Structure formats: C-alpha cells, structure tokens
C-alpha cells in the first residue's frame, strides 16, 4: 500500500516540476562581473537551488565538525 502512495507522490512531483519547467523556458539575461549570458529561467532557478544546497550542506558539515571536535 505505501509503495503505491510513494509512486503516486513521485508522479505528482514529476508533473509539477515538468509544468514549472515548461512555464519558465523564456530566456533571461544573467550578468556576473564582466561575464554575461542569456539562459532560460529554469536553469537559473535550478542552479541557484543547487548552489544553495551545496552552501548549506558545507556550512552544516563545518558546524558539525566544529562541535564534534570540542
């Protein structure tokens, strides 16, 4: 029973993410210092999300390491 619920939730999540990606295909101008690029909004959103996860994960790793060392 729980496998069916998990599968249904995964399908719903994939549908929502697909709709979100399709609605955000328009290009946007991204500028950083002297670098400039025109890429789709969904790439900017996913890239920002991934960088946030890496930054938060690294910070959490450093904090755990600091408190475990003391």
N, C-alpha and C. Protein backbone atom coordinates (compact mmCIF):
# COMPACT_ATOMS: atom_id res chain seq x y z
N UNK A 1 0.83 -1.20 0.00
CA UNK A 1 0.00 0.00 0.00
C UNK A 1 0.87 1.26 0.00
N UNK A 2 1.90 1.30 0.84
CA UNK A 2 2.73 2.50 0.91
C UNK A 2 3.56 2.69 -0.36
N UNK A 3 3.85 1.58 -1.05
CA UNK A 3 4.58 1.70 -2.31
C UNK A 3 3.74 2.43 -3.35
N UNK A 4 2.44 2.19 -3.37
CA UNK A 4 1.55 2.88 -4.30
C UNK A 4 1.46 4.37 -3.97
N UNK A 5 1.44 4.70 -2.69
CA UNK A 5 1.39 6.10 -2.27
C UNK A 5 2.68 6.80 -2.67
N UNK A 6 3.82 6.15 -2.44
CA UNK A 6 5.11 6.72 -2.81
C UNK A 6 5.20 6.94 -4.32
N UNK A 7 4.75 5.97 -5.09
CA UNK A 7 4.77 6.10 -6.55
C UNK A 7 3.86 7.23 -7.01
N UNK A 8 2.67 7.32 -6.42
CA UNK A 8 1.73 8.38 -6.79
C UNK A 8 2.30 9.75 -6.46
N UNK A 9 2.92 9.89 -5.29
CA UNK A 9 3.52 11.17 -4.91
C UNK A 9 4.69 11.53 -5.83
N UNK A 10 5.47 10.54 -6.23
CA UNK A 10 6.58 10.79 -7.15
C UNK A 10 6.06 11.26 -8.51
N UNK A 11 5.00 10.64 -9.00
CA UNK A 11 4.42 11.04 -10.28
C UNK A 11 3.86 12.46 -10.20
N UNK A 12 3.19 12.78 -9.10
CA UNK A 12 2.66 14.13 -8.92
C UNK A 12 3.78 15.15 -8.87
N UNK A 13 4.86 14.83 -8.16
CA UNK A 13 6.01 15.74 -8.07
C UNK A 13 6.64 15.95 -9.44
N UNK A 14 6.79 14.88 -10.21
CA UNK A 14 7.36 14.99 -11.55
C UNK A 14 6.48 15.85 -12.45
N UNK A 15 5.17 15.69 -12.35
CA UNK A 15 4.25 16.51 -13.14
C UNK A 15 4.35 17.99 -12.78
N UNK A 16 4.40 18.28 -11.48
CA UNK A 16 4.51 19.68 -11.03
C UNK A 16 5.83 20.30 -11.51
N UNK A 17 6.91 19.57 -11.36
CA UNK A 17 8.22 20.07 -11.80
C UNK A 17 8.25 20.27 -13.31
N UNK A 18 7.63 19.36 -14.05
CA UNK A 18 7.59 19.49 -15.51
C UNK A 18 6.79 20.72 -15.94
N UNK A 19 5.65 20.94 -15.32
CA UNK A 19 4.84 22.12 -15.63
C UNK A 19 5.62 23.39 -15.30
N UNK A 20 6.29 23.39 -14.16
CA UNK A 20 7.09 24.55 -13.75
C UNK A 20 8.20 24.82 -14.77
N UNK A 21 8.86 23.77 -15.22
CA UNK A 21 9.95 23.93 -16.18
C UNK A 21 9.44 24.45 -17.53
N UNK A 22 8.31 23.94 -17.97
CA UNK A 22 7.75 24.38 -19.25
C UNK A 22 7.33 25.84 -19.20
N UNK A 23 6.80 26.29 -18.06
CA UNK A 23 6.35 27.66 -17.94
C UNK A 23 7.50 28.65 -17.80
N UNK A 24 8.69 28.17 -17.49
CA UNK A 24 9.83 29.06 -17.27
C UNK A 24 10.94 28.82 -18.28
N UNK A 25 10.57 28.66 -19.54
CA UNK A 25 11.56 28.43 -20.60
C UNK A 25 12.10 29.71 -21.20
N UNK A 26 11.47 30.84 -20.94
CA UNK A 26 11.91 32.08 -21.56
C UNK A 26 13.31 32.47 -21.08
N UNK A 27 14.11 33.01 -21.97
CA UNK A 27 15.48 33.38 -21.60
C UNK A 27 15.53 34.62 -20.71
N UNK A 28 16.54 34.66 -19.88
CA UNK A 28 16.77 35.81 -19.01
C UNK A 28 18.27 36.14 -19.07
N UNK A 29 18.58 37.41 -19.00
CA UNK A 29 19.98 37.86 -19.05
C UNK A 29 20.58 37.79 -17.65
N UNK A 30 21.68 37.06 -17.52
CA UNK A 30 22.38 36.90 -16.24
C UNK A 30 23.75 37.54 -16.39
N UNK A 31 24.08 38.45 -15.46
CA UNK A 31 25.36 39.15 -15.51
C UNK A 31 26.08 38.96 -14.18
N UNK A 32 27.36 38.61 -14.26
CA UNK A 32 28.21 38.49 -13.09
C UNK A 32 29.58 39.09 -13.43
N UNK A 33 29.91 40.19 -12.77
CA UNK A 33 31.12 40.94 -13.04
C UNK A 33 31.18 41.30 -14.52
N UNK A 34 32.14 40.73 -15.28
CA UNK A 34 32.24 41.05 -16.70
C UNK A 34 31.59 39.98 -17.57
N UNK A 35 31.14 38.90 -16.97
CA UNK A 35 30.53 37.79 -17.68
C UNK A 35 29.04 38.02 -17.83
N UNK A 36 28.50 37.72 -19.00
CA UNK A 36 27.07 37.89 -19.24
C UNK A 36 26.58 36.75 -20.13
N UNK A 37 25.39 36.24 -19.80
CA UNK A 37 24.83 35.14 -20.59
C UNK A 37 23.32 35.23 -20.61
N UNK A 38 22.74 34.72 -21.66
CA UNK A 38 21.29 34.64 -21.78
C UNK A 38 20.89 33.17 -21.70
N UNK A 39 20.29 32.78 -20.58
CA UNK A 39 19.90 31.39 -20.37
C UNK A 39 18.46 31.34 -19.87
N UNK A 40 17.86 30.16 -19.91
CA UNK A 40 16.46 30.05 -19.51
C UNK A 40 16.30 30.20 -18.00
N UNK A 41 15.13 30.66 -17.60
CA UNK A 41 14.85 30.89 -16.18
C UNK A 41 15.00 29.62 -15.36
N UNK A 42 14.55 28.49 -15.90
CA UNK A 42 14.59 27.26 -15.13
C UNK A 42 16.02 26.85 -14.79
N UNK A 43 16.96 27.12 -15.70
CA UNK A 43 18.37 26.82 -15.43
C UNK A 43 18.88 27.71 -14.30
N UNK A 44 18.50 28.97 -14.30
CA UNK A 44 18.89 29.89 -13.23
C UNK A 44 18.30 29.42 -11.90
N UNK A 45 17.04 29.03 -11.91
CA UNK A 45 16.38 28.59 -10.68
C UNK A 45 17.03 27.32 -10.14
N UNK A 46 17.24 26.34 -11.02
CA UNK A 46 17.85 25.08 -10.58
C UNK A 46 19.29 25.31 -10.12
N UNK A 47 20.04 26.13 -10.85
CA UNK A 47 21.42 26.43 -10.45
C UNK A 47 21.50 27.11 -9.09
N UNK A 48 20.59 28.04 -8.85
CA UNK A 48 20.56 28.72 -7.56
C UNK A 48 20.21 27.75 -6.45
N UNK A 49 19.26 26.86 -6.71
CA UNK A 49 18.87 25.86 -5.73
C UNK A 49 20.03 24.93 -5.39
N UNK A 50 20.74 24.45 -6.41
CA UNK A 50 21.86 23.55 -6.19
C UNK A 50 22.98 24.25 -5.43
N UNK A 51 23.29 25.49 -5.81
CA UNK A 51 24.33 26.24 -5.08
C UNK A 51 23.93 26.46 -3.63
N UNK A 52 22.66 26.72 -3.38
CA UNK A 52 22.18 26.87 -2.01
C UNK A 52 22.30 25.59 -1.22
N UNK A 53 21.98 24.46 -1.86
CA UNK A 53 22.12 23.17 -1.17
C UNK A 53 23.58 22.89 -0.83
N UNK A 54 24.48 23.16 -1.78
CA UNK A 54 25.90 22.93 -1.53
C UNK A 54 26.43 23.84 -0.44
N UNK A 55 26.03 25.10 -0.47
CA UNK A 55 26.48 26.04 0.55
C UNK A 55 25.94 25.66 1.92
N UNK A 56 24.66 25.35 1.99
CA UNK A 56 24.05 24.95 3.27
C UNK A 56 24.63 23.65 3.79
N UNK A 57 24.84 22.69 2.88
CA UNK A 57 25.43 21.41 3.29
C UNK A 57 26.85 21.58 3.78
N UNK A 58 27.63 22.42 3.10
CA UNK A 58 29.00 22.67 3.54
C UNK A 58 29.05 23.36 4.89
N UNK A 59 28.15 24.32 5.09
CA UNK A 59 28.09 25.01 6.38
C UNK A 59 27.69 24.06 7.49
N UNK A 60 26.71 23.20 7.22
CA UNK A 60 26.28 22.21 8.21
C UNK A 60 27.41 21.25 8.54
N UNK A 61 28.17 20.83 7.51
CA UNK A 61 29.31 19.95 7.70
C UNK A 61 30.36 20.61 8.60
N UNK A 62 30.65 21.89 8.35
CA UNK A 62 31.64 22.60 9.17
C UNK A 62 31.16 22.76 10.61
N UNK A 63 29.90 23.08 10.80
CA UNK A 63 29.36 23.26 12.15
C UNK A 63 29.39 21.94 12.92
N UNK A 64 28.98 20.85 12.28
CA UNK A 64 29.01 19.55 12.94
C UNK A 64 30.44 19.16 13.29
N UNK A 65 31.38 19.41 12.39
CA UNK A 65 32.77 19.10 12.65
C UNK A 65 33.33 19.92 13.80
N UNK A 66 32.91 21.19 13.90
CA UNK A 66 33.38 22.05 14.97
C UNK A 66 32.87 21.57 16.31
N UNK A 67 31.61 21.22 16.40
CA UNK A 67 31.04 20.79 17.68
C UNK A 67 31.48 19.38 18.06
N UNK A 68 31.78 18.53 17.09
CA UNK A 68 32.27 17.19 17.40
C UNK A 68 33.73 17.24 17.87
N UNK A 69 34.48 18.26 17.46
CA UNK A 69 35.89 18.38 17.82
C UNK A 69 36.06 18.88 19.26
N UNK A 70 35.06 19.58 19.78
CA UNK A 70 35.20 20.12 21.13
C UNK A 70 34.67 19.20 22.18
